[in-house]
Each structure stands twice: as C-alpha cells, then as structure tokens.
N, C-alpha and C. Protein backbone atom coordinates (compact mmCIF):
# COMPACT_ATOMS: atom_id res chain seq x y z
N MET A 1 110.66 109.83 149.58
CA MET A 1 110.26 108.47 149.84
C MET A 1 108.84 108.39 150.35
N GLY A 2 108.23 109.51 150.64
CA GLY A 2 106.87 109.50 151.17
C GLY A 2 105.86 108.96 150.18
N VAL A 3 106.05 109.28 148.90
CA VAL A 3 105.10 108.81 147.88
C VAL A 3 105.25 107.29 147.69
N LEU A 4 106.48 106.81 147.63
CA LEU A 4 106.70 105.37 147.46
C LEU A 4 106.19 104.58 148.67
N ASP A 5 106.39 105.12 149.86
CA ASP A 5 105.87 104.44 151.06
C ASP A 5 104.35 104.39 151.03
N GLY A 6 103.74 105.48 150.59
CA GLY A 6 102.27 105.52 150.50
C GLY A 6 101.74 104.51 149.49
N LEU A 7 102.40 104.42 148.31
CA LEU A 7 101.99 103.44 147.31
C LEU A 7 102.20 102.01 147.82
N TYR A 8 103.30 101.80 148.52
CA TYR A 8 103.56 100.47 149.06
C TYR A 8 102.48 100.07 150.05
N LYS A 9 102.13 100.99 150.94
CA LYS A 9 101.11 100.68 151.94
C LYS A 9 99.73 100.51 151.30
N LEU A 10 99.49 101.27 150.23
CA LEU A 10 98.19 101.19 149.56
C LEU A 10 98.05 99.89 148.74
N LEU A 11 99.07 99.53 148.01
CA LEU A 11 98.95 98.42 147.06
C LEU A 11 99.44 97.08 147.58
N MET A 12 100.41 97.07 148.44
CA MET A 12 101.06 95.81 148.79
C MET A 12 100.70 95.29 150.17
N ARG A 13 99.82 95.95 150.85
CA ARG A 13 99.47 95.48 152.19
C ARG A 13 98.69 94.17 152.14
N ARG A 14 97.76 94.07 151.18
CA ARG A 14 96.96 92.85 151.05
C ARG A 14 97.25 92.20 149.71
N THR A 15 97.25 90.91 149.70
CA THR A 15 97.53 90.17 148.47
C THR A 15 96.42 90.38 147.44
N SER A 16 95.19 90.46 147.88
CA SER A 16 94.08 90.63 146.96
C SER A 16 94.17 91.98 146.23
N VAL A 17 94.54 93.02 146.94
CA VAL A 17 94.68 94.35 146.32
C VAL A 17 95.85 94.33 145.34
N TYR A 18 96.96 93.71 145.72
CA TYR A 18 98.13 93.63 144.86
C TYR A 18 97.82 92.84 143.59
N ALA A 19 97.15 91.71 143.72
CA ALA A 19 96.81 90.90 142.56
C ALA A 19 95.86 91.64 141.63
N THR A 20 94.89 92.35 142.21
CA THR A 20 93.97 93.15 141.39
C THR A 20 94.71 94.24 140.65
N PHE A 21 95.65 94.89 141.32
CA PHE A 21 96.44 95.94 140.69
C PHE A 21 97.28 95.37 139.55
N VAL A 22 97.87 94.21 139.73
CA VAL A 22 98.69 93.60 138.68
C VAL A 22 97.83 93.21 137.48
N ILE A 23 96.68 92.61 137.73
CA ILE A 23 95.80 92.20 136.63
C ILE A 23 95.26 93.41 135.88
N ALA A 24 94.84 94.43 136.61
CA ALA A 24 94.34 95.65 135.96
C ALA A 24 95.46 96.34 135.18
N GLY A 25 96.67 96.35 135.73
CA GLY A 25 97.80 96.95 135.02
C GLY A 25 98.15 96.19 133.75
N ALA A 26 98.09 94.87 133.82
CA ALA A 26 98.37 94.07 132.63
C ALA A 26 97.31 94.30 131.56
N PHE A 27 96.05 94.39 131.95
CA PHE A 27 94.98 94.65 131.00
C PHE A 27 95.14 96.03 130.37
N ALA A 28 95.40 97.05 131.19
CA ALA A 28 95.57 98.41 130.68
C ALA A 28 96.80 98.50 129.78
N GLY A 29 97.88 97.82 130.16
CA GLY A 29 99.08 97.83 129.33
C GLY A 29 98.86 97.15 128.00
N GLU A 30 98.14 96.04 128.01
CA GLU A 30 97.84 95.33 126.76
C GLU A 30 97.01 96.20 125.84
N ARG A 31 96.02 96.88 126.39
CA ARG A 31 95.17 97.77 125.58
C ARG A 31 95.97 98.93 125.02
N ALA A 32 96.88 99.48 125.80
CA ALA A 32 97.70 100.60 125.34
C ALA A 32 98.63 100.16 124.20
N VAL A 33 99.27 99.01 124.36
CA VAL A 33 100.15 98.51 123.31
C VAL A 33 99.36 98.18 122.05
N ASP A 34 98.19 97.56 122.19
CA ASP A 34 97.35 97.23 121.04
C ASP A 34 96.93 98.50 120.30
N TYR A 35 96.53 99.52 121.03
CA TYR A 35 96.13 100.78 120.42
C TYR A 35 97.30 101.42 119.68
N GLY A 36 98.48 101.43 120.31
CA GLY A 36 99.65 102.04 119.69
C GLY A 36 100.08 101.32 118.43
N VAL A 37 100.10 99.98 118.46
CA VAL A 37 100.49 99.21 117.29
C VAL A 37 99.47 99.39 116.18
N HIS A 38 98.20 99.45 116.52
CA HIS A 38 97.15 99.65 115.52
C HIS A 38 97.32 101.00 114.83
N LYS A 39 97.61 102.04 115.58
CA LYS A 39 97.80 103.38 115.00
C LYS A 39 99.04 103.41 114.12
N ILE A 40 100.11 102.78 114.55
CA ILE A 40 101.32 102.74 113.73
C ILE A 40 101.05 101.97 112.44
N TRP A 41 100.32 100.86 112.53
CA TRP A 41 99.98 100.07 111.35
C TRP A 41 99.15 100.90 110.37
N GLU A 42 98.15 101.60 110.87
CA GLU A 42 97.32 102.44 109.99
C GLU A 42 98.14 103.55 109.36
N TYR A 43 99.04 104.15 110.12
CA TYR A 43 99.85 105.24 109.60
C TYR A 43 100.76 104.75 108.46
N ASN A 44 101.32 103.55 108.61
CA ASN A 44 102.23 103.03 107.60
C ASN A 44 101.52 102.46 106.39
N ASN A 45 100.24 102.14 106.49
CA ASN A 45 99.52 101.47 105.40
C ASN A 45 98.35 102.30 104.87
N VAL A 46 98.43 103.59 104.96
CA VAL A 46 97.31 104.43 104.52
C VAL A 46 97.06 104.25 103.02
N GLY A 47 98.10 104.29 102.21
CA GLY A 47 97.93 104.13 100.77
C GLY A 47 97.39 102.77 100.41
N PHE A 48 97.87 101.73 101.08
CA PHE A 48 97.41 100.38 100.78
C PHE A 48 95.95 100.20 101.16
N ILE A 49 95.54 100.77 102.29
CA ILE A 49 94.14 100.64 102.72
C ILE A 49 93.22 101.31 101.70
N ILE A 50 93.59 102.48 101.22
CA ILE A 50 92.77 103.16 100.22
C ILE A 50 92.72 102.35 98.93
N LEU A 51 93.87 101.81 98.52
CA LEU A 51 93.92 100.99 97.32
C LEU A 51 93.07 99.73 97.48
N TRP A 52 93.13 99.09 98.65
CA TRP A 52 92.36 97.89 98.91
C TRP A 52 90.86 98.19 98.90
N LEU A 53 90.44 99.30 99.49
CA LEU A 53 89.03 99.67 99.48
C LEU A 53 88.55 99.96 98.06
N LEU A 54 89.39 100.61 97.25
CA LEU A 54 89.04 100.88 95.86
C LEU A 54 88.91 99.57 95.09
N PHE A 55 89.83 98.63 95.31
CA PHE A 55 89.77 97.33 94.64
C PHE A 55 88.49 96.59 95.01
N GLN A 56 88.14 96.59 96.30
CA GLN A 56 86.91 95.92 96.73
C GLN A 56 85.69 96.56 96.08
N HIS A 57 85.68 97.88 95.99
CA HIS A 57 84.55 98.59 95.39
C HIS A 57 84.43 98.22 93.91
N LEU A 58 85.55 98.20 93.20
CA LEU A 58 85.50 97.86 91.78
C LEU A 58 85.12 96.40 91.57
N LEU A 59 85.61 95.51 92.41
CA LEU A 59 85.26 94.11 92.30
C LEU A 59 83.77 93.89 92.57
N LEU A 60 83.22 94.57 93.57
CA LEU A 60 81.80 94.47 93.87
C LEU A 60 80.97 95.04 92.74
N ALA A 61 81.40 96.17 92.17
CA ALA A 61 80.67 96.77 91.06
C ALA A 61 80.67 95.83 89.85
N ALA A 62 81.80 95.17 89.60
CA ALA A 62 81.86 94.23 88.47
C ALA A 62 80.95 93.03 88.73
N TYR A 63 80.91 92.57 89.97
CA TYR A 63 80.07 91.41 90.30
C TYR A 63 78.59 91.77 90.22
N VAL A 64 78.22 92.97 90.64
CA VAL A 64 76.82 93.38 90.58
C VAL A 64 76.37 93.52 89.13
N SER A 65 77.25 94.06 88.28
CA SER A 65 76.85 94.25 86.89
C SER A 65 76.76 92.92 86.14
N ASP A 66 77.63 91.95 86.48
CA ASP A 66 77.61 90.65 85.81
C ASP A 66 78.04 89.58 86.80
N PRO A 67 77.09 88.92 87.50
CA PRO A 67 77.46 87.93 88.50
C PRO A 67 78.24 86.74 87.96
N ASP A 68 78.08 86.42 86.68
CA ASP A 68 78.79 85.28 86.09
C ASP A 68 80.23 85.64 85.71
N LEU A 69 80.62 86.88 85.89
CA LEU A 69 81.96 87.32 85.50
C LEU A 69 83.04 86.63 86.34
N LEU A 70 82.79 86.46 87.63
CA LEU A 70 83.81 85.89 88.52
C LEU A 70 83.69 84.39 88.70
N THR A 71 82.66 83.77 88.18
CA THR A 71 82.47 82.33 88.36
C THR A 71 83.63 81.51 87.80
N PRO A 72 84.13 81.77 86.58
CA PRO A 72 85.26 80.96 86.10
C PRO A 72 86.51 81.12 86.98
N ILE A 73 86.73 82.27 87.53
CA ILE A 73 87.90 82.49 88.38
C ILE A 73 87.77 81.66 89.65
N MET A 74 86.59 81.63 90.24
CA MET A 74 86.40 80.89 91.49
C MET A 74 86.43 79.37 91.25
N GLN A 75 85.94 78.90 90.11
CA GLN A 75 85.93 77.48 89.84
C GLN A 75 87.30 76.97 89.41
N LYS A 76 88.12 77.80 88.81
CA LYS A 76 89.42 77.39 88.31
C LYS A 76 90.30 76.88 89.46
N ARG A 77 90.11 77.41 90.62
CA ARG A 77 90.93 77.03 91.77
C ARG A 77 90.81 75.53 92.05
N TYR A 78 89.64 74.95 91.87
CA TYR A 78 89.42 73.55 92.22
C TYR A 78 89.55 72.60 91.03
N GLU A 79 89.63 73.10 89.82
CA GLU A 79 89.74 72.23 88.66
C GLU A 79 91.10 71.55 88.59
N ASP A 80 92.14 72.19 89.07
CA ASP A 80 93.49 71.65 88.96
C ASP A 80 93.84 70.69 90.09
N ILE A 81 92.98 70.52 91.08
CA ILE A 81 93.27 69.66 92.20
C ILE A 81 92.69 68.28 91.91
N PRO A 82 93.54 67.25 91.78
CA PRO A 82 92.99 65.91 91.53
C PRO A 82 92.33 65.36 92.79
N VAL A 83 91.38 64.48 92.58
CA VAL A 83 90.69 63.84 93.69
C VAL A 83 91.66 62.85 94.33
N LEU A 84 91.65 62.77 95.62
CA LEU A 84 92.56 61.87 96.32
C LEU A 84 92.29 60.43 95.91
N GLY A 85 93.35 59.68 95.63
CA GLY A 85 93.23 58.29 95.27
C GLY A 85 93.04 58.04 93.79
N GLN A 86 92.93 59.10 93.01
CA GLN A 86 92.76 58.93 91.56
C GLN A 86 94.00 59.44 90.85
N ARG A 87 94.33 58.75 89.80
CA ARG A 87 95.47 59.22 88.99
C ARG A 87 94.95 60.24 87.99
N PRO A 88 95.73 61.25 87.71
CA PRO A 88 95.28 62.24 86.72
C PRO A 88 95.16 61.61 85.35
N THR A 89 94.11 61.98 84.64
CA THR A 89 93.89 61.44 83.29
C THR A 89 94.79 62.19 82.31
N GLU A 90 95.22 61.48 81.28
CA GLU A 90 96.12 62.09 80.31
C GLU A 90 95.41 62.40 79.03
C-alpha cells in the first residue's frame, strides 16, 4: 500500500495537480489510441493503399500526357442535373 499512498499524496492532494494529471492522461490516452488505430488500419489496408497510389500515378500520367482526356468525365457529372425551377426538355 506504500506505492498507492504515495501516488495518492502526490496526485490528489491539490485539485490543480489532480486536474492537470487527468487532462494530461486523457491527452496521452487519446494519442495512444489514435496511434494504435492508425497502425491497425495501415496493416489491414496495405494492398489497397498500394493499389490506390498506383491508380493515382496512372491517372496523373494520363492527365499530363493529354489534359483534355478527363474533361468529358468531369463535365458529365453536371450535365445530368437539371437547373432548379426548370422542367427537363424532351
């Protein structure tokens, strides 16, 4: 019980020390959980991350070689949306 009594006297004697300890513990715990979840996420998605980076590289290479290649794809998204208040033409 000597260790617990020492911690009690060290941390709980003053409210300011106790509050600081709680806030610092919450911050450290949040960082530890965030780091752990991030590592688990990376471990489970290694293949997808490599595939996504390869896709981005190929898409950028296609855009650099021909900038007009992706323009119809980007414009098509807005062609099918009618303007508010107008009836679609037949």
